[in-house]
Amino acid sequence: ALFGVFFQLAAAVPVAEMEKRDIWDPQLLYPHAGTVWYKGQTHNVTWDNSNPPSNLTNPVGMILLKAGTTATPLILADGFSILDGRVEVTVPWVLEANDYSLVLFGDSSNVGPQFTI
């Protein structure tokens, strides 16, 4: 009975409306298809930051390396603002292949085109 009273009281209290948040999926610009990276080099990964929404769900970015259809555990960069439009990464020591791509996480995730390492 006591639980029922608490439930009725909780149901009667209005819940504050949460602030609306927008999802943003910026397009990766570099590396693009045909790009070749070499192990140990540094490159600026870039994405289109021209139209961000005013209320991002998560503005903190992370870039992961993907091999073919498999996400690897390799984090190339993290802790940067996705509003910056670029971040410098160092090419990891991985097997040579032409089906690598980058995944930009932040507000949502976006997979770039395949390139070669």
C-alpha atoms as a PDB file:
ATOM      1  CA  ALA A   1       0.000   0.000   0.000  1.00  0.00           C
ATOM      2  CA  LEU A   2       2.815   2.377   0.879  1.00  0.00           C
ATOM      3  CA  PHE A   3       4.449   1.657  -2.516  1.00  0.00           C
ATOM      4  CA  GLY A   4       1.173   2.595  -4.239  1.00  0.00           C
ATOM      5  CA  VAL A   5       1.086   5.967  -2.463  1.00  0.00           C
ATOM      6  CA  PHE A   6       4.669   6.756  -3.511  1.00  0.00           C
ATOM      7  CA  PHE A   7       3.909   5.665  -7.078  1.00  0.00           C
ATOM      8  CA  GLN A   8       0.878   7.971  -7.265  1.00  0.00           C
ATOM      9  CA  LEU A   9       2.883  10.893  -5.877  1.00  0.00           C
ATOM     10  CA  ALA A  10       5.740  10.304  -8.334  1.00  0.00           C
ATOM     11  CA  ALA A  11       3.308  10.066 -11.243  1.00  0.00           C
ATOM     12  CA  ALA A  12       1.707  13.355 -10.254  1.00  0.00           C
ATOM     13  CA  VAL A  13       4.983  15.308 -10.279  1.00  0.00           C
ATOM     14  CA  PRO A  14       5.646  16.799 -13.729  1.00  0.00           C
ATOM     15  CA  VAL A  15       8.960  15.830 -15.289  1.00  0.00           C
ATOM     16  CA  ALA A  16      11.017  18.759 -16.565  1.00  0.00           C
ATOM     17  CA  GLU A  17      11.205  18.736 -20.347  1.00  0.00           C
ATOM     18  CA  MET A  18      14.677  17.804 -21.535  1.00  0.00           C
ATOM     19  CA  GLU A  19      16.478  20.223 -23.821  1.00  0.00           C
ATOM     20  CA  LYS A  20      16.249  19.127 -27.447  1.00  0.00           C
ATOM     21  CA  ARG A  21      19.513  17.908 -28.926  1.00  0.00           C
ATOM     22  CA  ASP A  22      20.455  17.539 -32.575  1.00  0.00           C
ATOM     23  CA  ILE A  23      22.374  14.705 -34.194  1.00  0.00           C
ATOM     24  CA  TRP A  24      25.160  15.798 -36.534  1.00  0.00           C
ATOM     25  CA  ASP A  25      26.895  13.499 -38.995  1.00  0.00           C
ATOM     26  CA  PRO A  26      29.684  15.526 -40.663  1.00  0.00           C
ATOM     27  CA  GLN A  27      31.183  14.117 -43.868  1.00  0.00           C
ATOM     28  CA  LEU A  28      34.811  12.992 -43.698  1.00  0.00           C
ATOM     29  CA  LEU A  29      36.839  14.826 -46.368  1.00  0.00           C
ATOM     30  CA  TYR A  30      40.345  13.407 -45.840  1.00  0.00           C
ATOM     31  CA  PRO A  31      41.518  10.746 -46.236  1.00  0.00           C
ATOM     32  CA  HIS A  32      39.520  10.237 -49.411  1.00  0.00           C
ATOM     33  CA  ALA A  33      39.359   7.296 -51.825  1.00  0.00           C
ATOM     34  CA  GLY A  34      42.756   6.852 -53.474  1.00  0.00           C
ATOM     35  CA  THR A  35      44.723   8.233 -50.510  1.00  0.00           C
ATOM     36  CA  VAL A  36      47.860   6.313 -49.505  1.00  0.00           C
ATOM     37  CA  TRP A  37      49.262   6.618 -46.002  1.00  0.00           C
ATOM     38  CA  TYR A  38      52.572   5.179 -44.775  1.00  0.00           C
ATOM     39  CA  LYS A  39      53.193   3.813 -41.290  1.00  0.00           C
ATOM     40  CA  GLY A  40      54.552   6.416 -38.878  1.00  0.00           C
ATOM     41  CA  GLN A  41      53.477   9.467 -40.916  1.00  0.00           C
ATOM     42  CA  THR A  42      51.241  12.175 -39.477  1.00  0.00           C
ATOM     43  CA  HIS A  43      48.170  13.424 -41.337  1.00  0.00           C
ATOM     44  CA  ASN A  44      45.348  15.859 -40.718  1.00  0.00           C
ATOM     45  CA  VAL A  45      42.031  14.027 -40.801  1.00  0.00           C
ATOM     46  CA  THR A  46      39.433  16.556 -41.954  1.00  0.00           C
ATOM     47  CA  TRP A  47      35.649  16.691 -42.032  1.00  0.00           C
ATOM     48  CA  ASP A  48      33.009  19.188 -43.063  1.00  0.00           C
ATOM     49  CA  ASN A  49      32.184  21.352 -40.046  1.00  0.00           C
ATOM     50  CA  SER A  50      30.265  24.016 -41.973  1.00  0.00           C
ATOM     51  CA  ASN A  51      26.750  23.410 -40.592  1.00  0.00           C
ATOM     52  CA  PRO A  52      26.782  22.142 -37.009  1.00  0.00           C
ATOM     53  CA  PRO A  53      23.521  22.283 -35.067  1.00  0.00           C
ATOM     54  CA  SER A  54      23.286  24.594 -32.070  1.00  0.00           C
ATOM     55  CA  ASN A  55      22.682  21.777 -29.541  1.00  0.00           C
ATOM     56  CA  LEU A  56      25.061  18.874 -30.109  1.00  0.00           C
ATOM     57  CA  THR A  57      24.454  15.662 -28.208  1.00  0.00           C
ATOM     58  CA  ASN A  58      28.206  15.067 -27.853  1.00  0.00           C
ATOM     59  CA  PRO A  59      30.825  17.493 -29.224  1.00  0.00           C
ATOM     60  CA  VAL A  60      33.815  15.409 -28.067  1.00  0.00           C
ATOM     61  CA  GLY A  61      35.312  13.409 -30.926  1.00  0.00           C
ATOM     62  CA  MET A  62      37.153  10.145 -31.403  1.00  0.00           C
ATOM     63  CA  ILE A  63      38.618   8.595 -34.563  1.00  0.00           C
ATOM     64  CA  LEU A  64      38.912   4.828 -34.933  1.00  0.00           C
ATOM     65  CA  LEU A  65      40.552   2.814 -37.701  1.00  0.00           C
ATOM     66  CA  LYS A  66      38.393   0.315 -39.569  1.00  0.00           C
ATOM     67  CA  ALA A  67      39.821  -2.541 -41.675  1.00  0.00           C
ATOM     68  CA  GLY A  68      37.353  -3.682 -44.343  1.00  0.00           C
ATOM     69  CA  THR A  69      34.081  -4.253 -42.543  1.00  0.00           C
ATOM     70  CA  THR A  70      35.735  -4.753 -39.145  1.00  0.00           C
ATOM     71  CA  ALA A  71      36.287  -2.008 -36.601  1.00  0.00           C
ATOM     72  CA  THR A  72      39.737  -2.282 -35.043  1.00  0.00           C
ATOM     73  CA  PRO A  73      40.542  -1.335 -31.434  1.00  0.00           C
ATOM     74  CA  LEU A  74      42.933   1.344 -32.742  1.00  0.00           C
ATOM     75  CA  ILE A  75      41.987   4.822 -31.538  1.00  0.00           C
ATOM     76  CA  LEU A  76      43.895   7.319 -33.681  1.00  0.00           C
ATOM     77  CA  ALA A  77      42.647  10.416 -31.840  1.00  0.00           C
ATOM     78  CA  ASP A  78      40.224  11.270 -29.048  1.00  0.00           C
ATOM     79  CA  GLY A  79      39.188  14.108 -26.789  1.00  0.00           C
ATOM     80  CA  PHE A  80      39.033  16.749 -29.542  1.00  0.00           C
ATOM     81  CA  SER A  81      36.088  18.959 -30.500  1.00  0.00           C
ATOM     82  CA  ILE A  82      34.208  17.751 -33.585  1.00  0.00           C
ATOM     83  CA  LEU A  83      33.555  21.419 -34.280  1.00  0.00           C
ATOM     84  CA  ASP A  84      37.267  21.862 -35.150  1.00  0.00           C
ATOM     85  CA  GLY A  85      36.943  20.136 -38.547  1.00  0.00           C
ATOM     86  CA  ARG A  86      40.386  18.538 -38.285  1.00  0.00           C
ATOM     87  CA  VAL A  87      42.669  16.564 -36.030  1.00  0.00           C
ATOM     88  CA  GLU A  88      46.213  15.297 -36.524  1.00  0.00           C
ATOM     89  CA  VAL A  89      46.795  11.536 -36.340  1.00  0.00           C
ATOM     90  CA  THR A  90      49.823   9.278 -36.630  1.00  0.00           C
ATOM     91  CA  VAL A  91      49.487   6.331 -38.998  1.00  0.00           C
ATOM     92  CA  PRO A  92      49.680   3.132 -36.922  1.00  0.00           C
ATOM     93  CA  TRP A  93      51.807   0.082 -37.653  1.00  0.00           C
ATOM     94  CA  VAL A  94      49.276  -2.196 -39.348  1.00  0.00           C
ATOM     95  CA  LEU A  95      49.342  -4.723 -42.181  1.00  0.00           C
ATOM     96  CA  GLU A  96      49.373  -3.104 -45.608  1.00  0.00           C
ATOM     97  CA  ALA A  97      45.929  -3.111 -47.217  1.00  0.00           C
ATOM     98  CA  ASN A  98      43.690  -0.952 -49.401  1.00  0.00           C
ATOM     99  CA  ASP A  99      40.448  -1.302 -47.444  1.00  0.00           C
ATOM    100  CA  TYR A 100      41.084   0.900 -44.410  1.00  0.00           C
ATOM    101  CA  SER A 101      38.647   3.643 -43.453  1.00  0.00           C
ATOM    102  CA  LEU A 102      38.212   6.000 -40.514  1.00  0.00           C
ATOM    103  CA  VAL A 103      35.223   6.289 -38.229  1.00  0.00           C
ATOM    104  CA  LEU A 104      34.544   9.722 -36.742  1.00  0.00           C
ATOM    105  CA  PHE A 105      32.634   9.473 -33.468  1.00  0.00           C
ATOM    106  CA  GLY A 106      31.187  12.368 -31.546  1.00  0.00           C
ATOM    107  CA  ASP A 107      27.615  13.414 -31.943  1.00  0.00           C
ATOM    108  CA  SER A 108      27.082  10.318 -34.098  1.00  0.00           C
ATOM    109  CA  SER A 109      29.405   8.136 -36.126  1.00  0.00           C
ATOM    110  CA  ASN A 110      30.459   8.611 -39.722  1.00  0.00           C
ATOM    111  CA  VAL A 111      32.573   6.218 -41.786  1.00  0.00           C
ATOM    112  CA  GLY A 112      34.851   7.716 -44.424  1.00  0.00           C
ATOM    113  CA  PRO A 113      35.840   6.216 -47.779  1.00  0.00           C
ATOM    114  CA  GLN A 114      38.348   3.378 -48.028  1.00  0.00           C
ATOM    115  CA  PHE A 115      42.040   4.212 -48.502  1.00  0.00           C
ATOM    116  CA  THR A 116      45.426   2.456 -48.385  1.00  0.00           C
ATOM    117  CA  ILE A 117      47.965   2.080 -45.592  1.00  0.00           C
END
